[in-house]
PDB file of N, CA and C in Angstrom:
ATOM      1  N   TYR A   1      81.587   0.035  -2.352  1.00  0.00           N
ATOM      2  CA  TYR A   1      80.530   0.880  -1.829  1.00  0.00           C
ATOM      3  C   TYR A   1      79.768   1.470  -3.010  1.00  0.00           C
ATOM      4  N   PRO A   2      78.483   1.560  -2.942  1.00  0.00           N
ATOM      5  CA  PRO A   2      77.700   2.024  -4.096  1.00  0.00           C
ATOM      6  C   PRO A   2      77.747   3.549  -4.278  1.00  0.00           C
ATOM      7  N   LEU A   3      78.804   4.039  -4.875  1.00  0.00           N
ATOM      8  CA  LEU A   3      78.916   5.466  -5.164  1.00  0.00           C
ATOM      9  C   LEU A   3      78.204   5.769  -6.475  1.00  0.00           C
ATOM     10  N   GLN A   4      77.646   6.962  -6.576  1.00  0.00           N
ATOM     11  CA  GLN A   4      76.977   7.361  -7.811  1.00  0.00           C
ATOM     12  C   GLN A   4      77.991   8.065  -8.711  1.00  0.00           C
ATOM     13  N   ARG A   5      77.998   7.664  -9.960  1.00  0.00           N
ATOM     14  CA  ARG A   5      78.907   8.253 -10.937  1.00  0.00           C
ATOM     15  C   ARG A   5      78.106   9.164 -11.852  1.00  0.00           C
ATOM     16  N   HIS A   6      78.577  10.395 -12.018  1.00  0.00           N
ATOM     17  CA  HIS A   6      77.913  11.368 -12.881  1.00  0.00           C
ATOM     18  C   HIS A   6      78.889  11.772 -13.984  1.00  0.00           C
ATOM     19  N   ASP A   7      78.532  11.480 -15.226  1.00  0.00           N
ATOM     20  CA  ASP A   7      79.366  11.831 -16.377  1.00  0.00           C
ATOM     21  C   ASP A   7      78.692  12.922 -17.189  1.00  0.00           C
ATOM     22  N   GLN A   8      79.490  13.904 -17.606  1.00  0.00           N
ATOM     23  CA  GLN A   8      79.017  14.963 -18.493  1.00  0.00           C
ATOM     24  C   GLN A   8      79.726  14.771 -19.821  1.00  0.00           C
ATOM     25  N   ASN A   9      78.993  14.485 -20.848  1.00  0.00           N
ATOM     26  CA  ASN A   9      79.607  14.210 -22.146  1.00  0.00           C
ATOM     27  C   ASN A   9      79.311  15.301 -23.163  1.00  0.00           C
ATOM     28  N   SER A  10      79.497  16.543 -22.779  1.00  0.00           N
ATOM     29  CA  SER A  10      79.288  17.621 -23.739  1.00  0.00           C
ATOM     30  C   SER A  10      80.583  17.872 -24.515  1.00  0.00           C
ATOM     31  N   GLU A  11      80.464  18.528 -25.629  1.00  0.00           N
ATOM     32  CA  GLU A  11      81.627  18.807 -26.487  1.00  0.00           C
ATOM     33  C   GLU A  11      82.637  19.708 -25.778  1.00  0.00           C
ATOM     34  N   ASP A  12      82.158  20.668 -24.996  1.00  0.00           N
ATOM     35  CA  ASP A  12      83.062  21.584 -24.293  1.00  0.00           C
ATOM     36  C   ASP A  12      83.930  20.854 -23.277  1.00  0.00           C
ATOM     37  N   THR A  13      83.345  19.931 -22.528  1.00  0.00           N
ATOM     38  CA  THR A  13      84.121  19.226 -21.507  1.00  0.00           C
ATOM     39  C   THR A  13      85.114  18.257 -22.128  1.00  0.00           C
ATOM     40  N   ARG A  14      84.787  17.687 -23.274  1.00  0.00           N
ATOM     41  CA  ARG A  14      85.742  16.775 -23.926  1.00  0.00           C
ATOM     42  C   ARG A  14      86.930  17.542 -24.494  1.00  0.00           C
ATOM     43  N   ARG A  15      86.681  18.725 -25.024  1.00  0.00           N
ATOM     44  CA  ARG A  15      87.765  19.521 -25.595  1.00  0.00           C
ATOM     45  C   ARG A  15      88.695  20.053 -24.518  1.00  0.00           C
ATOM     46  N   ALA A  16      88.143  20.458 -23.396  1.00  0.00           N
ATOM     47  CA  ALA A  16      88.928  21.059 -22.316  1.00  0.00           C
ATOM     48  C   ALA A  16      89.142  20.065 -21.181  1.00  0.00           C
ATOM     49  N   TYR A  17      89.469  18.819 -21.505  1.00  0.00           N
ATOM     50  CA  TYR A  17      89.641  17.780 -20.492  1.00  0.00           C
ATOM     51  C   TYR A  17      90.801  18.114 -19.565  1.00  0.00           C
ATOM     52  N   LYS A  18      90.563  17.949 -18.257  1.00  0.00           N
ATOM     53  CA  LYS A  18      91.615  18.151 -17.267  1.00  0.00           C
ATOM     54  C   LYS A  18      91.322  17.259 -16.071  1.00  0.00           C
ATOM     55  N   ALA A  19      92.336  16.515 -15.641  1.00  0.00           N
ATOM     56  CA  ALA A  19      92.204  15.692 -14.435  1.00  0.00           C
ATOM     57  C   ALA A  19      92.272  16.621 -13.232  1.00  0.00           C
ATOM     58  N   ARG A  20      91.304  16.523 -12.321  1.00  0.00           N
ATOM     59  CA  ARG A  20      91.260  17.417 -11.160  1.00  0.00           C
ATOM     60  C   ARG A  20      91.519  16.687  -9.857  1.00  0.00           C
ATOM     61  N   LEU A  21      90.829  15.583  -9.607  1.00  0.00           N
ATOM     62  CA  LEU A  21      90.981  14.790  -8.386  1.00  0.00           C
ATOM     63  C   LEU A  21      90.845  15.650  -7.131  1.00  0.00           C
ATOM     64  N   LYS A  22      89.678  16.270  -6.978  1.00  0.00           N
ATOM     65  CA  LYS A  22      89.396  17.128  -5.823  1.00  0.00           C
ATOM     66  C   LYS A  22      88.286  16.517  -4.978  1.00  0.00           C
ATOM     67  N   ALA A  23      88.469  16.601  -3.663  1.00  0.00           N
ATOM     68  CA  ALA A  23      87.488  16.052  -2.728  1.00  0.00           C
ATOM     69  C   ALA A  23      86.628  17.167  -2.155  1.00  0.00           C
ATOM     70  N   ASP A  24      85.338  16.907  -2.048  1.00  0.00           N
ATOM     71  CA  ASP A  24      84.395  17.804  -1.384  1.00  0.00           C
ATOM     72  C   ASP A  24      83.797  17.022  -0.221  1.00  0.00           C
ATOM     73  N   LYS A  25      84.434  17.138   0.951  1.00  0.00           N
ATOM     74  CA  LYS A  25      83.996  16.358   2.116  1.00  0.00           C
ATOM     75  C   LYS A  25      82.585  16.736   2.543  1.00  0.00           C
ATOM     76  N   ALA A  26      82.288  18.024   2.553  1.00  0.00           N
ATOM     77  CA  ALA A  26      80.973  18.480   3.005  1.00  0.00           C
ATOM     78  C   ALA A  26      79.863  17.972   2.083  1.00  0.00           C
ATOM     79  N   GLY A  27      80.121  17.950   0.795  1.00  0.00           N
ATOM     80  CA  GLY A  27      79.121  17.493  -0.162  1.00  0.00           C
ATOM     81  C   GLY A  27      79.153  15.998  -0.405  1.00  0.00           C
ATOM     82  N   GLY A  28      80.171  15.320   0.125  1.00  0.00           N
ATOM     83  CA  GLY A  28      80.288  13.875  -0.062  1.00  0.00           C
ATOM     84  C   GLY A  28      80.550  13.488  -1.500  1.00  0.00           C
ATOM     85  N   ALA A  29      81.435  14.255  -2.169  1.00  0.00           N
ATOM     86  CA  ALA A  29      81.698  14.000  -3.584  1.00  0.00           C
ATOM     87  C   ALA A  29      83.183  14.123  -3.891  1.00  0.00           C
ATOM     88  N   ILE A  30      83.569  13.516  -5.005  1.00  0.00           N
ATOM     89  CA  ILE A  30      84.930  13.624  -5.521  1.00  0.00           C
ATOM     90  C   ILE A  30      84.823  13.972  -6.996  1.00  0.00           C
ATOM     91  N   GLU A  31      85.459  15.065  -7.385  1.00  0.00           N
ATOM     92  CA  GLU A  31      85.508  15.450  -8.793  1.00  0.00           C
ATOM     93  C   GLU A  31      86.792  14.863  -9.374  1.00  0.00           C
ATOM     94  N   LEU A  32      86.647  13.887 -10.255  1.00  0.00           N
ATOM     95  CA  LEU A  32      87.815  13.224 -10.830  1.00  0.00           C
ATOM     96  C   LEU A  32      88.429  14.029 -11.968  1.00  0.00           C
ATOM     97  N   ASP A  33      87.588  14.517 -12.858  1.00  0.00           N
ATOM     98  CA  ASP A  33      88.056  15.308 -13.991  1.00  0.00           C
ATOM     99  C   ASP A  33      86.915  16.194 -14.456  1.00  0.00           C
ATOM    100  N   THR A  34      87.092  16.832 -15.597  1.00  0.00           N
ATOM    101  CA  THR A  34      86.058  17.746 -16.081  1.00  0.00           C
ATOM    102  C   THR A  34      84.780  17.028 -16.485  1.00  0.00           C
ATOM    103  N   THR A  35      84.840  15.711 -16.657  1.00  0.00           N
ATOM    104  CA  THR A  35      83.649  14.985 -17.099  1.00  0.00           C
ATOM    105  C   THR A  35      83.025  14.083 -16.043  1.00  0.00           C
ATOM    106  N   THR A  36      83.753  13.685 -15.002  1.00  0.00           N
ATOM    107  CA  THR A  36      83.261  12.664 -14.071  1.00  0.00           C
ATOM    108  C   THR A  36      83.319  13.133 -12.623  1.00  0.00           C
ATOM    109  N   THR A  37      82.220  12.881 -11.906  1.00  0.00           N
ATOM    110  CA  THR A  37      82.134  13.161 -10.480  1.00  0.00           C
ATOM    111  C   THR A  37      81.536  11.939  -9.788  1.00  0.00           C
ATOM    112  N   LEU A  38      82.103  11.571  -8.649  1.00  0.00           N
ATOM    113  CA  LEU A  38      81.550  10.506  -7.809  1.00  0.00           C
ATOM    114  C   LEU A  38      80.881  11.163  -6.615  1.00  0.00           C
ATOM    115  N   SER A  39      79.661  10.746  -6.298  1.00  0.00           N
ATOM    116  CA  SER A  39      78.955  11.316  -5.151  1.00  0.00           C
ATOM    117  C   SER A  39      78.396  10.196  -4.288  1.00  0.00           C
ATOM    118  N   GLY A  40      77.838  10.575  -3.152  1.00  0.00           N
ATOM    119  CA  GLY A  40      77.269   9.594  -2.234  1.00  0.00           C
ATOM    120  C   GLY A  40      78.288   9.015  -1.271  1.00  0.00           C
ATOM    121  N   ILE A  41      79.367   9.740  -1.029  1.00  0.00           N
ATOM    122  CA  ILE A  41      80.400   9.265  -0.113  1.00  0.00           C
ATOM    123  C   ILE A  41      79.984   9.651   1.308  1.00  0.00           C
ATOM    124  N   PRO A  42      79.823   8.678   2.200  1.00  0.00           N
ATOM    125  CA  PRO A  42      79.390   8.993   3.563  1.00  0.00           C
ATOM    126  C   PRO A  42      80.490   9.703   4.359  1.00  0.00           C
ATOM    127  N   GLU A  43      80.076  10.456   5.370  1.00  0.00           N
ATOM    128  CA  GLU A  43      81.029  11.195   6.205  1.00  0.00           C
ATOM    129  C   GLU A  43      81.998  10.271   6.916  1.00  0.00           C
ATOM    130  N   THR A  44      81.544   9.068   7.256  1.00  0.00           N
ATOM    131  CA  THR A  44      82.427   8.145   7.977  1.00  0.00           C
ATOM    132  C   THR A  44      83.596   7.687   7.116  1.00  0.00           C
ATOM    133  N   ALA A  45      83.460   7.726   5.802  1.00  0.00           N
ATOM    134  CA  ALA A  45      84.572   7.335   4.925  1.00  0.00           C
ATOM    135  C   ALA A  45      85.727   8.323   5.036  1.00  0.00           C
ATOM    136  N   TRP A  46      85.403   9.596   5.304  1.00  0.00           N
ATOM    137  CA  TRP A  46      86.452  10.610   5.452  1.00  0.00           C
ATOM    138  C   TRP A  46      87.112  10.530   6.828  1.00  0.00           C
ATOM    139  N   ALA A  47      86.479   9.856   7.776  1.00  0.00           N
ATOM    140  CA  ALA A  47      87.007   9.782   9.144  1.00  0.00           C
ATOM    141  C   ALA A  47      88.122   8.754   9.291  1.00  0.00           C
ATOM    142  N   TYR A  48      88.224   7.799   8.372  1.00  0.00           N
ATOM    143  CA  TYR A  48      89.267   6.770   8.438  1.00  0.00           C
ATOM    144  C   TYR A  48      90.582   7.390   7.983  1.00  0.00           C
ATOM    145  N   MET A  49      91.478   7.620   8.932  1.00  0.00           N
ATOM    146  CA  MET A  49      92.703   8.358   8.665  1.00  0.00           C
ATOM    147  C   MET A  49      93.911   7.445   8.519  1.00  0.00           C
ATOM    148  N   LEU A  50      94.755   7.769   7.554  1.00  0.00           N
ATOM    149  CA  LEU A  50      96.064   7.136   7.380  1.00  0.00           C
ATOM    150  C   LEU A  50      97.091   8.243   7.604  1.00  0.00           C
ATOM    151  N   GLY A  51      97.591   8.330   8.816  1.00  0.00           N
ATOM    152  CA  GLY A  51      98.461   9.448   9.164  1.00  0.00           C
ATOM    153  C   GLY A  51      97.607  10.682   9.388  1.00  0.00           C
ATOM    154  N   ASN A  52      97.879  11.746   8.632  1.00  0.00           N
ATOM    155  CA  ASN A  52      97.126  12.984   8.813  1.00  0.00           C
ATOM    156  C   ASN A  52      96.091  13.223   7.710  1.00  0.00           C
ATOM    157  N   ARG A  53      95.890  12.245   6.816  1.00  0.00           N
ATOM    158  CA  ARG A  53      94.898  12.367   5.744  1.00  0.00           C
ATOM    159  C   ARG A  53      93.986  11.153   5.736  1.00  0.00           C
ATOM    160  N   SER A  54      92.806  11.343   5.179  1.00  0.00           N
ATOM    161  CA  SER A  54      91.907  10.192   5.040  1.00  0.00           C
ATOM    162  C   SER A  54      92.425   9.293   3.916  1.00  0.00           C
ATOM    163  N   ALA A  55      91.981   8.056   3.913  1.00  0.00           N
ATOM    164  CA  ALA A  55      92.418   7.100   2.891  1.00  0.00           C
ATOM    165  C   ALA A  55      92.014   7.577   1.495  1.00  0.00           C
ATOM    166  N   LEU A  56      90.837   8.168   1.373  1.00  0.00           N
ATOM    167  CA  LEU A  56      90.382   8.663   0.072  1.00  0.00           C
ATOM    168  C   LEU A  56      91.261   9.814  -0.412  1.00  0.00           C
ATOM    169  N   GLU A  57      91.619  10.727   0.496  1.00  0.00           N
ATOM    170  CA  GLU A  57      92.490  11.842   0.121  1.00  0.00           C
ATOM    171  C   GLU A  57      93.872  11.343  -0.288  1.00  0.00           C
ATOM    172  N   TRP A  58      94.342  10.304   0.391  1.00  0.00           N
ATOM    173  CA  TRP A  58      95.643   9.740   0.070  1.00  0.00           C
ATOM    174  C   TRP A  58      95.650   9.209  -1.370  1.00  0.00           C
ATOM    175  N   ILE A  59      94.599   8.501  -1.759  1.00  0.00           N
ATOM    176  CA  ILE A  59      94.509   7.965  -3.123  1.00  0.00           C
ATOM    177  C   ILE A  59      94.446   9.092  -4.149  1.00  0.00           C
ATOM    178  N   LEU A  60      93.649  10.110  -3.871  1.00  0.00           N
ATOM    179  CA  LEU A  60      93.547  11.233  -4.801  1.00  0.00           C
ATOM    180  C   LEU A  60      94.904  11.896  -5.003  1.00  0.00           C
ATOM    181  N   ASP A  61      95.662  12.041  -3.927  1.00  0.00           N
ATOM    182  CA  ASP A  61      96.981  12.662  -4.026  1.00  0.00           C
ATOM    183  C   ASP A  61      97.949  11.795  -4.827  1.00  0.00           C
ATOM    184  N   ARG A  62      97.917  10.498  -4.638  1.00  0.00           N
ATOM    185  CA  ARG A  62      98.853   9.590  -5.325  1.00  0.00           C
ATOM    186  C   ARG A  62      98.585   9.502  -6.827  1.00  0.00           C
ATOM    187  N   TYR A  63      97.347   9.706  -7.262  1.00  0.00           N
ATOM    188  CA  TYR A  63      97.010   9.546  -8.676  1.00  0.00           C
ATOM    189  C   TYR A  63      96.951  10.862  -9.443  1.00  0.00           C
ATOM    190  N   LYS A  64      97.330  11.976  -8.823  1.00  0.00           N
ATOM    191  CA  LYS A  64      97.354  13.251  -9.539  1.00  0.00           C
ATOM    192  C   LYS A  64      98.462  13.247 -10.580  1.00  0.00           C
ATOM    193  N   GLU A  65      98.207  13.942 -11.675  1.00  0.00           N
ATOM    194  CA  GLU A  65      99.235  14.089 -12.699  1.00  0.00           C
ATOM    195  C   GLU A  65     100.232  15.133 -12.225  1.00  0.00           C
ATOM    196  N   ARG A  66     101.508  14.789 -12.306  1.00  0.00           N
ATOM    197  CA  ARG A  66     102.562  15.713 -11.909  1.00  0.00           C
ATOM    198  C   ARG A  66     103.553  15.842 -13.061  1.00  0.00           C
ATOM    199  N   THR A  67     104.108  17.026 -13.209  1.00  0.00           N
ATOM    200  CA  THR A  67     105.104  17.258 -14.240  1.00  0.00           C
ATOM    201  C   THR A  67     106.478  17.289 -13.585  1.00  0.00           C
ATOM    202  N   PRO A  68     107.402  16.427 -14.012  1.00  0.00           N
ATOM    203  CA  PRO A  68     108.751  16.444 -13.443  1.00  0.00           C
ATOM    204  C   PRO A  68     109.465  17.761 -13.743  1.00  0.00           C
ATOM    205  N   ARG A  69     110.330  18.195 -12.836  1.00  0.00           N
ATOM    206  CA  ARG A  69     111.061  19.452 -13.025  1.00  0.00           C
ATOM    207  C   ARG A  69     112.139  19.330 -14.094  1.00  0.00           C
ATOM    208  N   ASP A  70     112.801  18.198 -14.137  1.00  0.00           N
ATOM    209  CA  ASP A  70     113.887  17.990 -15.092  1.00  0.00           C
ATOM    210  C   ASP A  70     113.318  17.890 -16.507  1.00  0.00           C
ATOM    211  N   PRO A  71     113.766  18.756 -17.434  1.00  0.00           N
ATOM    212  CA  PRO A  71     113.197  18.730 -18.789  1.00  0.00           C
ATOM    213  C   PRO A  71     113.460  17.430 -19.549  1.00  0.00           C
ATOM    214  N   THR A  72     114.597  16.791 -19.301  1.00  0.00           N
ATOM    215  CA  THR A  72     114.898  15.536 -19.988  1.00  0.00           C
ATOM    216  C   THR A  72     113.925  14.448 -19.566  1.00  0.00           C
ATOM    217  N   ILE A  73     113.680  14.338 -18.281  1.00  0.00           N
ATOM    218  CA  ILE A  73     112.726  13.348 -17.773  1.00  0.00           C
ATOM    219  C   ILE A  73     111.324  13.679 -18.268  1.00  0.00           C
ATOM    220  N   ARG A  74     110.979  14.953 -18.236  1.00  0.00           N
ATOM    221  CA  ARG A  74     109.648  15.382 -18.676  1.00  0.00           C
ATOM    222  C   ARG A  74     109.408  15.019 -20.140  1.00  0.00           C
ATOM    223  N   GLU A  75     110.408  15.192 -20.998  1.00  0.00           N
ATOM    224  CA  GLU A  75     110.238  14.923 -22.427  1.00  0.00           C
ATOM    225  C   GLU A  75     110.263  13.434 -22.756  1.00  0.00           C
ATOM    226  N   ARG A  76     111.124  12.669 -22.083  1.00  0.00           N
ATOM    227  CA  ARG A  76     111.335  11.278 -22.473  1.00  0.00           C
ATOM    228  C   ARG A  76     110.535  10.254 -21.678  1.00  0.00           C
ATOM    229  N   PHE A  77     110.303  10.530 -20.408  1.00  0.00           N
ATOM    230  CA  PHE A  77     109.759   9.481 -19.548  1.00  0.00           C
ATOM    231  C   PHE A  77     108.418   9.798 -18.915  1.00  0.00           C
ATOM    232  N   ASN A  78     107.925  10.999 -19.036  1.00  0.00           N
ATOM    233  CA  ASN A  78     106.679  11.374 -18.378  1.00  0.00           C
ATOM    234  C   ASN A  78     105.493  10.918 -19.225  1.00  0.00           C
ATOM    235  N   THR A  79     105.074   9.671 -19.044  1.00  0.00           N
ATOM    236  CA  THR A  79     103.990   9.122 -19.856  1.00  0.00           C
ATOM    237  C   THR A  79     102.708   8.896 -19.062  1.00  0.00           C
ATOM    238  N   TYR A  80     102.697   9.242 -17.769  1.00  0.00           N
ATOM    239  CA  TYR A  80     101.502   8.995 -16.956  1.00  0.00           C
ATOM    240  C   TYR A  80     100.409   9.987 -17.321  1.00  0.00           C
ATOM    241  N   ARG A  81      99.232   9.457 -17.608  1.00  0.00           N
ATOM    242  CA  ARG A  81      98.039  10.268 -17.827  1.00  0.00           C
ATOM    243  C   ARG A  81      96.910   9.639 -17.030  1.00  0.00           C
ATOM    244  N   PHE A  82      96.196  10.450 -16.276  1.00  0.00           N
ATOM    245  CA  PHE A  82      95.120   9.948 -15.430  1.00  0.00           C
ATOM    246  C   PHE A  82      94.047   9.237 -16.242  1.00  0.00           C
ATOM    247  N   ILE A  83      93.734   9.755 -17.394  1.00  0.00           N
ATOM    248  CA  ILE A  83      92.640   9.183 -18.193  1.00  0.00           C
ATOM    249  C   ILE A  83      92.905   7.723 -18.566  1.00  0.00           C
ATOM    250  N   ASP A  84      94.184   7.332 -18.650  1.00  0.00           N
ATOM    251  CA  ASP A  84      94.515   5.938 -18.962  1.00  0.00           C
ATOM    252  C   ASP A  84      94.174   4.991 -17.814  1.00  0.00           C
ATOM    253  N   HIS A  85      94.078   5.514 -16.599  1.00  0.00           N
ATOM    254  CA  HIS A  85      93.841   4.694 -15.411  1.00  0.00           C
ATOM    255  C   HIS A  85      92.540   5.057 -14.695  1.00  0.00           C
ATOM    256  N   LYS A  86      91.714   5.834 -15.326  1.00  0.00           N
ATOM    257  CA  LYS A  86      90.504   6.377 -14.693  1.00  0.00           C
ATOM    258  C   LYS A  86      89.580   5.297 -14.139  1.00  0.00           C
ATOM    259  N   GLU A  87      89.281   4.277 -14.908  1.00  0.00           N
ATOM    260  CA  GLU A  87      88.348   3.235 -14.451  1.00  0.00           C
ATOM    261  C   GLU A  87      88.910   2.463 -13.261  1.00  0.00           C
ATOM    262  N   GLN A  88      90.218   2.202 -13.262  1.00  0.00           N
ATOM    263  CA  GLN A  88      90.836   1.502 -12.133  1.00  0.00           C
ATOM    264  C   GLN A  88      90.797   2.366 -10.878  1.00  0.00           C
ATOM    265  N   VAL A  89      90.987   3.674 -11.026  1.00  0.00           N
ATOM    266  CA  VAL A  89      90.947   4.577  -9.874  1.00  0.00           C
ATOM    267  C   VAL A  89      89.532   4.651  -9.315  1.00  0.00           C
ATOM    268  N   ILE A  90      88.529   4.673 -10.175  1.00  0.00           N
ATOM    269  CA  ILE A  90      87.138   4.691  -9.711  1.00  0.00           C
ATOM    270  C   ILE A  90      86.837   3.422  -8.918  1.00  0.00           C
ATOM    271  N   ASP A  91      87.267   2.278  -9.431  1.00  0.00           N
ATOM    272  CA  ASP A  91      87.074   1.013  -8.719  1.00  0.00           C
ATOM    273  C   ASP A  91      87.815   1.027  -7.381  1.00  0.00           C
ATOM    274  N   LEU A  92      89.038   1.537  -7.378  1.00  0.00           N
ATOM    275  CA  LEU A  92      89.819   1.620  -6.142  1.00  0.00           C
ATOM    276  C   LEU A  92      89.147   2.535  -5.121  1.00  0.00           C
ATOM    277  N   LEU A  93      88.620   3.673  -5.562  1.00  0.00           N
ATOM    278  CA  LEU A  93      87.931   4.585  -4.645  1.00  0.00           C
ATOM    279  C   LEU A  93      86.693   3.925  -4.043  1.00  0.00           C
ATOM    280  N   ARG A  94      85.972   3.159  -4.827  1.00  0.00           N
ATOM    281  CA  ARG A  94      84.802   2.442  -4.298  1.00  0.00           C
ATOM    282  C   ARG A  94      85.220   1.429  -3.239  1.00  0.00           C
ATOM    283  N   ARG A  95      86.294   0.706  -3.505  1.00  0.00           N
ATOM    284  CA  ARG A  95      86.772  -0.300  -2.547  1.00  0.00           C
ATOM    285  C   ARG A  95      87.283   0.343  -1.262  1.00  0.00           C
ATOM    286  N   VAL A  96      88.052   1.413  -1.406  1.00  0.00           N
ATOM    287  CA  VAL A  96      88.592   2.087  -0.221  1.00  0.00           C
ATOM    288  C   VAL A  96      87.474   2.736   0.580  1.00  0.00           C
ATOM    289  N   CYS A  97      86.454   3.223  -0.080  1.00  0.00           N
ATOM    290  CA  CYS A  97      85.294   3.779   0.622  1.00  0.00           C
ATOM    291  C   CYS A  97      84.624   2.690   1.455  1.00  0.00           C
ATOM    292  N   THR A  98      84.472   1.501   0.895  1.00  0.00           N
ATOM    293  CA  THR A  98      83.893   0.373   1.631  1.00  0.00           C
ATOM    294  C   THR A  98      84.748   0.011   2.834  1.00  0.00           C
ATOM    295  N   VAL A  99      86.056  -0.099   2.634  1.00  0.00           N
ATOM    296  CA  VAL A  99      86.968  -0.434   3.734  1.00  0.00           C
ATOM    297  C   VAL A  99      86.910   0.636   4.819  1.00  0.00           C
ATOM    298  N   SER A 100      86.881   1.897   4.434  1.00  0.00           N
ATOM    299  CA  SER A 100      86.838   2.995   5.401  1.00  0.00           C
ATOM    300  C   SER A 100      85.565   2.951   6.239  1.00  0.00           C
ATOM    301  N   VAL A 101      84.424   2.781   5.584  1.00  0.00           N
ATOM    302  CA  VAL A 101      83.143   2.751   6.301  1.00  0.00           C
ATOM    303  C   VAL A 101      83.080   1.549   7.237  1.00  0.00           C
ATOM    304  N   GLU A 102      83.480   0.380   6.752  1.00  0.00           N
ATOM    305  CA  GLU A 102      83.435  -0.828   7.588  1.00  0.00           C
ATOM    306  C   GLU A 102      84.415  -0.747   8.749  1.00  0.00           C
ATOM    307  N   THR A 103      85.599  -0.194   8.522  1.00  0.00           N
ATOM    308  CA  THR A 103      86.576  -0.052   9.606  1.00  0.00           C
ATOM    309  C   THR A 103      86.050   0.887  10.683  1.00  0.00           C
ATOM    310  N   MET A 104      85.451   1.995  10.279  1.00  0.00           N
ATOM    311  CA  MET A 104      84.907   2.935  11.263  1.00  0.00           C
ATOM    312  C   MET A 104      83.724   2.310  12.009  1.00  0.00           C
ATOM    313  N   ARG A 105      82.946   1.451  11.337  1.00  0.00           N
ATOM    314  CA  ARG A 105      81.845   0.756  12.012  1.00  0.00           C
ATOM    315  C   ARG A 105      82.399  -0.205  13.060  1.00  0.00           C
ATOM    316  N   ILE A 106      83.438  -0.951  12.709  1.00  0.00           N
ATOM    317  CA  ILE A 106      84.052  -1.895  13.649  1.00  0.00           C
ATOM    318  C   ILE A 106      84.650  -1.155  14.837  1.00  0.00           C
ATOM    319  N   ILE A 107      85.322  -0.047  14.572  1.00  0.00           N
ATOM    320  CA  ILE A 107      85.904   0.745  15.664  1.00  0.00           C
ATOM    321  C   ILE A 107      84.804   1.274  16.574  1.00  0.00           C
ATOM    322  N   GLY A 108      83.688   1.694  15.990  1.00  0.00           N
ATOM    323  CA  GLY A 108      82.567   2.186  16.788  1.00  0.00           C
ATOM    324  C   GLY A 108      81.919   1.105  17.630  1.00  0.00           C
ATOM    325  N   ASP A 109      81.953  -0.138  17.150  1.00  0.00           N
ATOM    326  CA  ASP A 109      81.356  -1.256  17.888  1.00  0.00           C
ATOM    327  C   ASP A 109      82.243  -1.773  19.009  1.00  0.00           C
ATOM    328  N   MET A 110      83.509  -1.426  18.982  1.00  0.00           N
ATOM    329  CA  MET A 110      84.434  -1.913  20.011  1.00  0.00           C
ATOM    330  C   MET A 110      84.121  -1.252  21.350  1.00  0.00           C
ATOM    331  N   PRO A 111      84.243  -2.003  22.436  1.00  0.00           N
ATOM    332  CA  PRO A 111      83.991  -1.390  23.738  1.00  0.00           C
ATOM    333  C   PRO A 111      85.098  -0.395  24.081  1.00  0.00           C
ATOM    334  N   ALA A 112      84.706   0.630  24.802  1.00  0.00           N
ATOM    335  CA  ALA A 112      85.691   1.626  25.227  1.00  0.00           C
ATOM    336  C   ALA A 112      86.653   0.988  26.219  1.00  0.00           C
ATOM    337  N   GLU A 113      87.913   1.324  26.088  1.00  0.00           N
ATOM    338  CA  GLU A 113      88.926   0.759  26.977  1.00  0.00           C
ATOM    339  C   GLU A 113      88.830   1.446  28.337  1.00  0.00           C
ATOM    340  N   THR A 114      88.758   0.640  29.368  1.00  0.00           N
ATOM    341  CA  THR A 114      88.708   1.206  30.715  1.00  0.00           C
ATOM    342  C   THR A 114      90.113   1.241  31.282  1.00  0.00           C
ATOM    343  N   VAL A 115      90.429   2.328  31.918  1.00  0.00           N
ATOM    344  CA  VAL A 115      91.784   2.495  32.460  1.00  0.00           C
ATOM    345  C   VAL A 115      91.783   2.313  33.943  1.00  0.00           C
TER     346      VAL A 115
END
């Protein structure tokens, strides 16, 4: 889906980099981190639900950086950083947005079931 990507490359945002992964349903945008925002997400993309969350929200939740509680695991094995996978996540969000919009279109085109 053709989402618009907005990057801010100022010195302040590079120094204070933080992965956010926040959705703004009303504004049709996703803030990925302090430097990148995706906009132009249609309302129908948020309507495609997987359980109690939309598919886009599910992806944002799965790719958030988390710190393990156990200090040994945190020191030795916690190597996940969002910035290492940022481009793949952007591509995935575009694809899932397309699937969500098309699925909702197909559901809307289906005839209502008569009982």
